[in-house]
Every structure is written in structure tokens, then in C-alpha cells.
Amino acid sequence: MRVWLLLNRCCMDFALNVWQTLVRAKVDKKHPWRVLTLATGGPDGPDARQVVLRGVNIEQRQITVYTDARSQKMAHIQHNPQVAMLFWDARHQWQLRLWAKAEQEQNEATIEALWATIPEHARKDYATLSAPGQPLPTEPKLPAELNFDQARKHFVVLRFTVQRMDSLVLKREGHERMLLEWAHEQWLQTALVP
């Protein structure tokens, strides 16, 4: 029993270390995990893109990012809410992969509060007439006045509830790899062959 408690505490410490690193990445704009790769799968196959880490909630096991409602990632998530995320820290040779379920924030007060934190120069990204990834018009148009009310309608807050984490630290003396899985209201840890 004592050995199990020790292992369980070690697992909790490791999981907490990962989550605390994610919290630092959210706060520190220069942290290498601030920008992550988000992979989705849609009817046309898998896709990956870089997104900015906007929020971390340790208790809820959630990662938050913002996106445009018209983006391909939203179509993919509606098709399949299961996603993968990849974080890489070159300085510490630390790779973190997460598997999570995506959900769109529905609370309008929460969305409004987050929208209020977006600077005007960033809001214009949501104010385009065409969806992200669409071809640019061939005919040059005069710049239209930006419609920030319309932009707000395109602003989406995505929450990803993490189900599994795979941590790999590359070291000369031997790589370390650990799998953490959420089960029975706790993180279960398994050491893996790197």
C-alpha cells in the first residue's frame, strides 16, 4: 500500500509539473509551448496547424485556444471532436503530446469577457469578409471599414479537455518517456520505452 501511495504521489507530481509548465507557457509569450500544433481529422482527412495557447485550467484539465468560426478546424471538430496537440521545447528537448476532446464555449458572458481582452489590431483577423483559407479576390477592392460586430460573431473559444499525455524528454544519458492517462478521477502514469 505504501509503495502504491508513493507511486501515485510521484504520478501526481509529474502531472502537476506538466500542467504548471503549460500555465507558464500561457503567461510567458516567449515560452516555446505558447504556440502549439493542433491536429484534427475531418471528412477529407487529417490536418494540423499552429495555434496560440490562450488558457489553461488545471482542475478541469482544459487547454483553451481561440479561432474563427469559419475555419477548417471548426468543420473538422464538428466532424470529430477528438484532437491531438503537440508542444516542443527545443532548449529542454521536451516533447509533449496531448489527446483531448474539443468543445466550443457556449457561455456568452465568458465569450464576451474574452473578446474584450482581444486588442483591436487582432480583432481585425475575425472581421474578414471571406473565411480563413479562402482564395483572395482577383479584383482589388477598396479597403472596407472593419465591422467588429461581425468579427465578434466569428470569434470562437475552444476548450480541449485532456484525456492523455505523452511526455518525452531527450537526454544523452537516456531518454525519458511517460504516459499519463486520466482514469478514475486521477492521472495514471506508465513509463514507456522512449
Protein backbone atom coordinates (compact mmCIF):
# COMPACT_ATOMS: atom_id res chain seq x y z
CA MET A 1 0.00 0.00 0.00
CA ARG A 2 2.83 2.44 0.85
CA VAL A 3 4.52 1.74 -2.50
CA TRP A 4 1.27 2.45 -4.38
CA LEU A 5 0.81 5.73 -2.50
CA LEU A 6 4.39 6.72 -3.31
CA LEU A 7 3.88 5.89 -7.00
CA ASN A 8 0.55 7.71 -7.04
CA ARG A 9 2.15 10.81 -5.47
CA CYS A 10 5.03 10.64 -7.97
CA CYS A 11 2.49 10.47 -10.81
CA MET A 12 0.55 13.42 -9.38
CA ASP A 13 3.78 15.42 -9.06
CA PHE A 14 4.74 14.65 -12.65
CA ALA A 15 1.27 15.53 -13.98
CA LEU A 16 1.28 18.74 -11.93
CA ASN A 17 4.72 19.64 -13.34
CA VAL A 18 3.36 19.25 -16.88
CA TRP A 19 0.30 21.39 -16.10
CA GLN A 20 2.38 24.06 -14.35
CA THR A 21 4.64 24.23 -17.41
CA LEU A 22 1.55 24.76 -19.57
CA VAL A 23 0.41 27.56 -17.23
CA ARG A 24 3.85 29.22 -17.59
CA ALA A 25 3.55 28.90 -21.38
CA LYS A 26 0.19 30.66 -21.32
CA VAL A 27 1.62 33.58 -19.32
CA ASP A 28 5.07 33.85 -20.94
CA LYS A 29 4.75 34.93 -24.59
CA LYS A 30 8.31 33.70 -25.27
CA HIS A 31 7.77 30.21 -23.84
CA PRO A 32 8.22 27.54 -26.56
CA TRP A 33 4.92 25.89 -25.66
CA ARG A 34 3.00 29.15 -26.18
CA VAL A 35 2.45 28.16 -29.82
CA LEU A 36 1.38 24.55 -30.29
CA THR A 37 0.44 22.29 -33.15
CA LEU A 38 -3.23 21.30 -33.19
CA ALA A 39 -4.17 18.25 -35.26
CA THR A 40 -7.74 17.50 -36.28
CA GLY A 41 -9.43 14.96 -38.51
CA GLY A 42 -12.25 15.73 -40.87
CA PRO A 43 -14.08 14.02 -43.72
CA ASP A 44 -11.21 14.99 -46.03
CA GLY A 45 -8.53 13.54 -43.73
CA PRO A 46 -6.15 14.82 -41.07
CA ASP A 47 -4.84 18.36 -40.82
CA ALA A 48 -2.50 20.25 -38.49
CA ARG A 49 -1.84 23.91 -37.82
CA GLN A 50 -0.21 26.12 -35.20
CA VAL A 51 -2.41 27.88 -32.67
CA VAL A 52 -1.72 30.10 -29.67
CA LEU A 53 -2.28 28.79 -26.16
CA ARG A 54 -4.84 31.15 -24.58
CA GLY A 55 -5.84 29.41 -21.38
CA VAL A 56 -5.01 26.53 -19.05
CA ASN A 57 -7.31 25.18 -16.35
CA ILE A 58 -5.56 22.51 -14.28
CA GLU A 59 -8.63 21.46 -12.28
CA GLN A 60 -10.75 20.99 -15.42
CA ARG A 61 -7.81 19.51 -17.41
CA GLN A 62 -8.51 22.06 -20.14
CA ILE A 63 -6.48 23.91 -22.75
CA THR A 64 -8.09 26.95 -24.43
CA VAL A 65 -7.46 28.43 -27.87
CA TYR A 66 -9.33 30.98 -29.99
CA THR A 67 -10.33 30.54 -33.61
CA ASP A 68 -12.58 31.79 -36.37
CA ALA A 69 -15.96 30.03 -36.61
CA ARG A 70 -15.46 29.75 -40.38
CA SER A 71 -12.08 27.98 -40.17
CA GLN A 72 -11.48 24.45 -41.42
CA LYS A 73 -10.54 23.33 -37.92
CA MET A 74 -14.10 24.10 -36.79
CA ALA A 75 -15.54 21.92 -39.56
CA HIS A 76 -13.13 19.15 -38.55
CA ILE A 77 -14.03 19.42 -34.87
CA GLN A 78 -17.73 19.27 -35.70
CA HIS A 79 -16.98 16.09 -37.68
CA ASN A 80 -14.76 14.60 -34.95
CA PRO A 81 -14.16 16.40 -31.63
CA GLN A 82 -11.12 14.23 -30.80
CA VAL A 83 -7.90 16.19 -31.37
CA ALA A 84 -4.17 15.87 -30.75
CA MET A 85 -1.80 18.63 -29.67
CA LEU A 86 1.97 18.79 -29.93
CA PHE A 87 4.26 21.01 -27.84
CA TRP A 88 8.04 21.18 -28.38
CA ASP A 89 10.68 22.85 -26.21
CA ALA A 90 13.99 22.72 -28.14
CA ARG A 91 16.05 24.14 -25.28
CA HIS A 92 14.99 21.42 -22.85
CA GLN A 93 14.49 18.78 -25.58
CA TRP A 94 10.98 18.17 -24.24
CA GLN A 95 8.11 17.00 -26.42
CA LEU A 96 4.58 16.82 -25.05
CA ARG A 97 1.71 15.24 -26.94
CA LEU A 98 -1.86 15.61 -25.70
CA TRP A 99 -5.08 13.92 -26.79
CA ALA A 100 -8.25 15.76 -25.93
CA LYS A 101 -11.91 16.31 -26.71
CA ALA A 102 -12.82 19.71 -28.14
CA GLU A 103 -15.86 21.72 -27.13
CA GLN A 104 -16.95 25.19 -28.14
CA GLU A 105 -17.53 27.58 -25.23
CA GLN A 106 -21.27 28.32 -25.04
CA ASN A 107 -21.43 30.84 -22.19
CA GLU A 108 -21.97 34.23 -23.85
CA ALA A 109 -20.75 36.18 -20.81
CA THR A 110 -17.47 34.23 -20.86
CA ILE A 111 -17.06 34.75 -24.61
CA GLU A 112 -17.78 38.49 -24.29
CA ALA A 113 -15.27 38.82 -21.45
CA LEU A 114 -12.57 37.07 -23.51
CA TRP A 115 -13.44 39.11 -26.63
CA ALA A 116 -12.96 42.27 -24.56
CA THR A 117 -9.33 41.22 -23.96
CA ILE A 118 -8.56 40.98 -27.70
CA PRO A 119 -6.73 44.11 -28.92
CA GLU A 120 -8.25 45.92 -31.90
CA HIS A 121 -5.35 45.00 -34.21
CA ALA A 122 -6.08 41.30 -33.50
CA ARG A 123 -9.87 41.66 -33.82
CA LYS A 124 -9.48 42.53 -37.50
CA ASP A 125 -8.46 38.90 -38.15
CA TYR A 126 -12.06 37.92 -37.38
CA ALA A 127 -13.53 40.76 -39.47
CA THR A 128 -12.57 39.49 -42.93
CA LEU A 129 -15.40 39.06 -45.43
CA SER A 130 -14.12 35.66 -46.54
CA ALA A 131 -13.37 32.68 -44.36
CA PRO A 132 -9.76 31.88 -43.43
CA GLY A 133 -8.10 29.79 -46.16
CA GLN A 134 -10.34 31.04 -48.97
CA PRO A 135 -8.72 32.41 -52.15
CA LEU A 136 -8.12 36.13 -52.22
CA PRO A 137 -10.37 38.03 -54.65
CA THR A 138 -8.78 38.57 -58.08
CA GLU A 139 -10.19 42.07 -58.36
CA PRO A 140 -8.56 44.52 -55.94
CA LYS A 141 -11.14 46.12 -53.68
CA LEU A 142 -11.03 49.29 -51.70
CA PRO A 143 -10.47 48.53 -48.03
CA ALA A 144 -13.85 48.25 -46.38
CA GLU A 145 -14.44 49.60 -42.91
CA LEU A 146 -13.98 46.77 -40.45
CA ASN A 147 -17.16 45.50 -38.86
CA PHE A 148 -16.21 44.45 -35.32
CA ASP A 149 -19.77 43.33 -34.52
CA GLN A 150 -19.47 40.82 -37.38
CA ALA A 151 -15.97 39.94 -36.18
CA ARG A 152 -17.31 39.06 -32.73
CA LYS A 153 -19.74 36.59 -34.35
CA HIS A 154 -16.76 34.79 -35.92
CA PHE A 155 -14.80 34.64 -32.64
CA VAL A 156 -14.85 31.15 -31.10
CA VAL A 157 -13.38 29.96 -27.81
CA LEU A 158 -12.38 26.29 -27.97
CA ARG A 159 -11.85 24.22 -24.82
CA PHE A 160 -9.93 20.96 -25.03
CA THR A 161 -10.39 18.51 -22.16
CA VAL A 162 -7.20 16.47 -21.95
CA GLN A 163 -7.58 12.70 -21.71
CA ARG A 164 -3.98 11.51 -22.28
CA MET A 165 -0.48 12.99 -22.22
CA ASP A 166 2.74 11.52 -23.62
CA SER A 167 5.89 13.26 -22.37
CA LEU A 168 9.29 12.60 -23.97
CA VAL A 169 12.47 14.24 -22.70
CA LEU A 170 15.58 13.62 -24.80
CA LYS A 171 18.76 13.22 -22.72
CA ARG A 172 22.28 12.00 -23.53
CA GLU A 173 22.24 9.67 -20.53
CA GLY A 174 18.94 8.17 -21.66
CA HIS A 175 15.63 9.49 -22.91
CA GLU A 176 12.65 9.55 -20.55
CA ARG A 177 9.13 8.88 -21.73
CA MET A 178 5.97 8.85 -19.65
CA LEU A 179 2.31 8.28 -20.47
CA LEU A 180 -0.35 9.87 -18.29
CA GLU A 181 -3.98 8.80 -18.70
CA TRP A 182 -6.98 10.27 -16.90
CA ALA A 183 -8.99 7.46 -15.30
CA HIS A 184 -10.96 7.08 -12.08
CA GLU A 185 -10.63 10.83 -11.37
CA GLN A 186 -6.82 10.74 -11.34
CA TRP A 187 -3.79 10.63 -13.61
CA LEU A 188 -2.41 7.13 -14.10
CA GLN A 189 1.25 7.01 -15.07
CA THR A 190 3.07 4.45 -17.21
CA ALA A 191 6.78 4.62 -18.03
CA LEU A 192 7.32 3.89 -21.74
CA VAL A 193 10.23 2.83 -23.87
CA PRO A 194 11.46 6.09 -25.49
